[in-house]
Protein backbone atom coordinates (compact mmCIF):
# COMPACT_ATOMS: atom_id res chain seq x y z
CA MET A 1 26.96 -10.61 -18.94
CA LYS A 2 27.97 -8.19 -21.99
CA VAL A 3 25.92 -5.11 -21.82
CA ILE A 4 25.64 -2.68 -24.55
CA LEU A 5 25.85 0.66 -22.90
CA LEU A 6 25.69 3.72 -24.34
CA GLY A 7 26.30 5.99 -22.14
CA GLY A 8 26.10 9.63 -22.93
CA LEU A 9 25.26 8.52 -26.54
CA LEU A 10 21.51 9.77 -27.82
CA PHE A 11 19.62 6.93 -29.80
CA TYR A 12 17.32 8.64 -31.90
CA GLY A 13 13.92 6.91 -33.85
CA PHE A 14 10.63 7.13 -34.80
CA ILE A 15 8.73 5.62 -32.11
CA ASN A 16 4.53 6.22 -33.15
CA GLY A 17 5.55 8.59 -35.77
CA THR A 18 7.81 10.22 -33.49
CA LEU A 19 11.08 10.99 -33.53
CA CYS A 20 12.67 10.66 -29.84
CA ALA A 21 15.81 10.64 -28.33
CA GLN A 22 16.83 8.56 -25.11
CA GLU A 23 19.99 7.87 -23.67
CA LEU A 24 20.05 3.72 -23.55
CA HIS A 25 21.15 0.69 -21.50
CA TYR A 26 20.10 -2.79 -22.26
CA SER A 27 21.99 -5.85 -22.38
CA ALA A 28 20.42 -8.61 -25.16
CA LYS A 29 20.77 -11.15 -21.84
CA ILE A 30 18.05 -9.02 -20.03
CA VAL A 31 14.34 -8.19 -21.27
CA PRO A 32 12.92 -5.41 -18.82
CA LYS A 33 9.59 -7.02 -18.04
CA ASN A 34 6.37 -5.27 -18.86
CA MET A 35 7.54 -2.92 -21.35
CA SER A 36 5.47 -1.10 -24.23
CA VAL A 37 5.61 -1.95 -28.10
CA SER A 38 7.66 1.08 -28.44
CA GLU A 39 10.50 0.77 -25.82
CA LYS A 40 11.09 -2.85 -26.94
CA LYS A 41 11.57 -1.23 -30.17
CA ARG A 42 14.04 1.02 -29.00
CA ARG A 43 16.22 -1.83 -26.97
CA PHE A 44 16.07 -3.74 -30.32
CA PHE A 45 16.75 -0.90 -31.96
CA ALA A 46 19.96 0.06 -29.66
CA LEU A 47 21.16 -3.37 -29.34
CA LEU A 48 20.99 -4.43 -33.06
CA VAL A 49 21.83 -1.12 -35.21
CA PRO A 50 25.34 -0.37 -34.20
CA ALA A 51 26.38 -4.83 -34.70
CA VAL A 52 24.36 -4.68 -37.62
CA ASP A 53 25.85 -1.29 -39.21
CA ASP A 54 29.93 -2.44 -37.97
CA VAL A 55 29.48 -5.96 -39.74
CA TYR A 56 27.69 -4.50 -43.02
CA LYS A 57 30.61 -1.53 -43.28
CA LYS A 58 33.16 -4.62 -42.70
CA LEU A 59 31.18 -6.93 -45.77
CA GLU A 60 30.94 -3.69 -47.94
CA LYS A 61 34.37 -2.71 -47.34
CA GLN A 62 35.71 -6.00 -48.46
CA TYR A 63 33.55 -6.17 -51.87
CA LEU A 64 34.77 -2.97 -52.67
CA GLU A 65 38.44 -4.18 -52.40
CA VAL A 66 37.84 -7.61 -53.66
CA LYS A 67 35.86 -5.14 -57.14
CA GLU A 68 39.07 -3.31 -57.19
CA ASP A 69 41.15 -6.64 -57.08
CA MET A 70 39.51 -8.02 -59.42
CA LYS A 71 39.72 -4.84 -61.72
CA HIS A 72 43.27 -4.08 -61.63
CA HIS A 73 44.47 -7.95 -60.94
CA THR A 74 46.29 -8.26 -58.04
CA ASN A 75 45.70 -9.97 -54.84
CA LEU A 76 44.66 -12.67 -56.60
CA LYS A 77 45.48 -15.47 -54.17
CA LYS A 78 42.80 -13.76 -51.47
CA ILE A 79 40.31 -13.73 -54.59
CA VAL A 80 41.34 -17.54 -55.04
CA ALA A 81 40.97 -17.87 -51.25
CA LEU A 82 37.16 -16.18 -51.20
CA LYS A 83 36.24 -18.16 -54.22
CA LYS A 84 36.94 -21.68 -52.32
CA LYS A 85 34.66 -20.14 -49.07
CA TYR A 86 32.04 -18.62 -50.28
CA LYS A 87 31.47 -21.86 -52.93
CA VAL A 88 31.89 -19.85 -56.04
CA LYS A 89 34.11 -20.09 -59.18
CA THR A 90 33.59 -17.12 -61.20
CA ASP A 91 34.51 -13.68 -60.87
CA GLU A 92 30.65 -12.36 -60.96
CA ASP A 93 29.53 -14.86 -58.59
CA LEU A 94 31.74 -13.54 -55.90
CA LEU A 95 30.95 -9.72 -56.37
CA ILE A 96 27.70 -11.22 -56.20
CA ALA A 97 27.72 -13.39 -52.84
CA LEU A 98 30.33 -10.94 -51.39
CA LYS A 99 28.02 -7.62 -51.65
CA PRO A 100 26.09 -7.42 -48.05
CA HIS A 101 22.42 -6.98 -48.52
CA PRO A 102 20.59 -3.93 -47.22
CA VAL A 103 20.66 -3.25 -43.33
CA SER A 104 16.78 -2.86 -43.24
CA ILE A 105 16.43 -5.94 -44.91
CA THR A 106 18.46 -7.52 -41.97
CA LEU A 107 16.80 -5.53 -39.00
CA ALA A 108 13.26 -7.08 -40.55
CA GLN A 109 14.60 -10.00 -40.91
CA ALA A 110 15.84 -10.49 -36.64
CA ALA A 111 12.60 -8.43 -35.84
CA MET A 112 10.33 -10.74 -37.16
CA GLU A 113 12.87 -13.75 -35.92
CA SER A 114 13.42 -12.58 -32.96
CA ALA A 115 10.17 -11.42 -31.59
CA TRP A 116 12.21 -7.90 -31.67
CA GLY A 117 14.99 -9.20 -29.23
CA THR A 118 12.88 -11.19 -26.89
CA SER A 119 13.23 -14.97 -27.79
CA ARG A 120 14.74 -17.02 -25.50
CA PHE A 121 17.54 -18.49 -28.66
CA PHE A 122 17.63 -14.02 -28.60
CA ARG A 123 18.65 -13.87 -25.00
CA GLU A 124 20.68 -17.52 -24.24
CA GLU A 125 22.84 -18.06 -27.30
CA ASN A 126 22.83 -14.84 -29.53
CA ASN A 127 20.52 -16.40 -32.07
CA ILE A 128 19.03 -13.53 -34.04
CA PHE A 129 17.51 -15.16 -36.84
CA GLY A 130 16.63 -18.53 -35.88
CA VAL A 131 18.62 -20.62 -37.58
CA HIS A 132 19.21 -24.37 -37.27
CA GLY A 133 21.85 -26.49 -36.89
CA LYS A 134 22.24 -30.25 -37.86
CA SER A 135 23.50 -31.53 -34.86
CA ALA A 136 24.60 -31.07 -31.18
CA LYS A 137 27.57 -29.23 -32.40
CA GLY A 138 27.63 -25.37 -31.57
CA CYS A 139 24.10 -26.00 -31.01
CA VAL A 140 21.35 -26.32 -28.06
CA PRO A 141 18.15 -28.28 -28.38
CA ALA A 142 14.91 -26.58 -28.67
CA ALA A 143 11.78 -26.96 -26.61
CA VAL A 144 9.24 -28.85 -29.28
CA LYS A 145 10.67 -31.32 -31.52
CA LYS A 146 9.73 -31.95 -34.94
CA GLY A 147 8.23 -35.84 -34.94
CA ASN A 148 10.67 -37.34 -33.08
CA ARG A 149 13.66 -35.47 -34.04
CA THR A 150 15.50 -32.99 -31.97
CA VAL A 151 15.53 -29.74 -33.55
CA TRP A 152 18.56 -28.00 -33.19
CA VAL A 153 19.09 -24.34 -32.96
CA LYS A 154 22.78 -22.19 -33.08
CA LYS A 155 24.29 -20.96 -31.22
CA TYR A 156 26.43 -17.55 -30.94
CA LYS A 157 29.23 -16.18 -29.02
CA SER A 158 27.76 -12.54 -29.61
CA LEU A 159 25.08 -10.71 -31.48
CA GLU A 160 27.86 -10.01 -34.25
CA ASP A 161 28.60 -13.29 -34.74
CA ALA A 162 25.08 -14.04 -35.30
CA ILE A 163 25.12 -11.34 -38.19
CA LYS A 164 28.35 -12.34 -39.87
CA ALA A 165 27.33 -15.50 -40.06
CA TYR A 166 23.95 -14.92 -41.36
CA TYR A 167 25.22 -13.14 -44.21
CA TYR A 168 27.27 -15.57 -44.93
CA MET A 169 24.22 -18.10 -44.90
CA LEU A 170 22.10 -16.28 -47.23
CA SER A 171 25.58 -15.84 -49.44
CA THR A 172 26.16 -19.60 -50.05
CA VAL A 173 23.57 -21.44 -49.50
CA PRO A 174 21.86 -22.27 -53.29
CA ASN A 175 18.40 -21.01 -52.34
CA TYR A 176 19.13 -17.57 -52.24
CA LYS A 177 20.71 -17.38 -55.31
CA LYS A 178 18.11 -15.56 -56.42
CA PHE A 179 18.25 -12.95 -53.34
CA LYS A 180 21.53 -12.37 -53.72
CA LYS A 181 21.23 -12.08 -57.50
CA LEU A 182 18.38 -9.38 -57.05
CA ASN A 183 20.80 -7.43 -54.25
CA TYR A 184 23.67 -6.78 -56.51
CA GLU A 185 21.63 -6.05 -59.57
CA GLY A 186 20.83 -3.38 -57.23
CA LYS A 187 17.19 -4.21 -56.88
CA SER A 188 14.92 -2.54 -54.75
CA VAL A 189 14.61 -3.29 -50.88
CA TYR A 190 10.99 -4.54 -51.62
CA GLU A 191 12.24 -6.78 -54.95
CA ILE A 192 15.04 -7.99 -52.62
CA ILE A 193 12.67 -9.86 -50.45
CA GLN A 194 10.83 -11.81 -53.45
CA GLY A 195 14.53 -14.28 -52.82
CA LEU A 196 13.76 -14.75 -49.42
CA LYS A 197 11.04 -17.35 -49.94
CA GLU A 198 12.57 -19.89 -48.70
CA TYR A 199 13.24 -18.76 -45.23
CA SER A 200 10.06 -19.70 -44.26
CA GLU A 201 7.76 -22.54 -44.72
CA ARG A 202 5.15 -19.31 -45.11
CA ALA A 203 7.09 -18.58 -48.28
CA ASP A 204 5.04 -15.57 -49.89
CA GLY A 205 3.89 -15.08 -46.25
CA TYR A 206 6.81 -14.21 -44.85
CA VAL A 207 8.08 -12.28 -48.19
CA ILE A 208 4.92 -9.71 -47.31
CA GLU A 209 5.21 -9.70 -43.59
CA LEU A 210 8.41 -9.16 -44.07
CA ALA A 211 7.65 -6.05 -46.60
CA SER A 212 5.42 -4.93 -43.66
CA MET A 213 7.99 -4.66 -41.57
CA ILE A 214 10.53 -2.72 -43.43
CA ARG A 215 7.57 -0.09 -44.48
CA PHE A 216 5.92 0.53 -40.78
CA ASN A 217 8.89 0.78 -39.36
CA LYS A 218 10.67 2.60 -41.86
CA LEU A 219 13.56 0.75 -42.02
CA THR A 220 15.47 1.65 -44.60
CA GLN A 221 16.56 5.17 -43.57
CA TYR A 222 18.94 3.29 -42.39
CA ASP A 223 19.88 1.66 -45.86
CA THR A 224 23.23 3.29 -47.79
CA LYS A 225 23.59 2.87 -51.39
CA VAL A 226 26.35 -0.26 -52.18
CA ALA A 227 28.18 0.75 -55.40
CA LYS A 228 27.54 -1.74 -58.24
């Protein structure tokens, strides 16, 4: 069982409007009983912020490197391989696919989809974002069926793997082209999430809740600006 230990480190966050610092010892697999809302959030941020930040920085580095390669016409084989991986043809479409969206959006979706890191699939399968699969391969069955059809939920080796897969999914699924374009254009977080209506059957309702989640929890404090 992997335990995230922040021994000797102080984790800072706004809980109910108050800045707090606390030494934390949390596991993704264990949800302490009778947690208060503020404690649930502390656990979530302790588990997710380092993992999301690490994945984001790697994607940002890749994006900026590819952008420079395109400018100087270097590493052409790598660019061709990335175009194939991300299912695009032009340089601009590759940059649109590669540019990572703000951390605040990732954290908000993670909180909503995993009930602040307490859902069964978060705990048992590292599935942070409620991602479904098409078959039993790499998946586990959900408790509820859709009609007579089994609903398969993806399983991941780690939280980091789930975050990488989430960013890749949003970069390659056609339903999120608007989302990626708005992100590439450097729009505000609240404009970018308008491209996520297809993520949930709730459509506009999902986006409204997402915006509220970001605003109420001050999640934009985790964002950094990536140059276009």
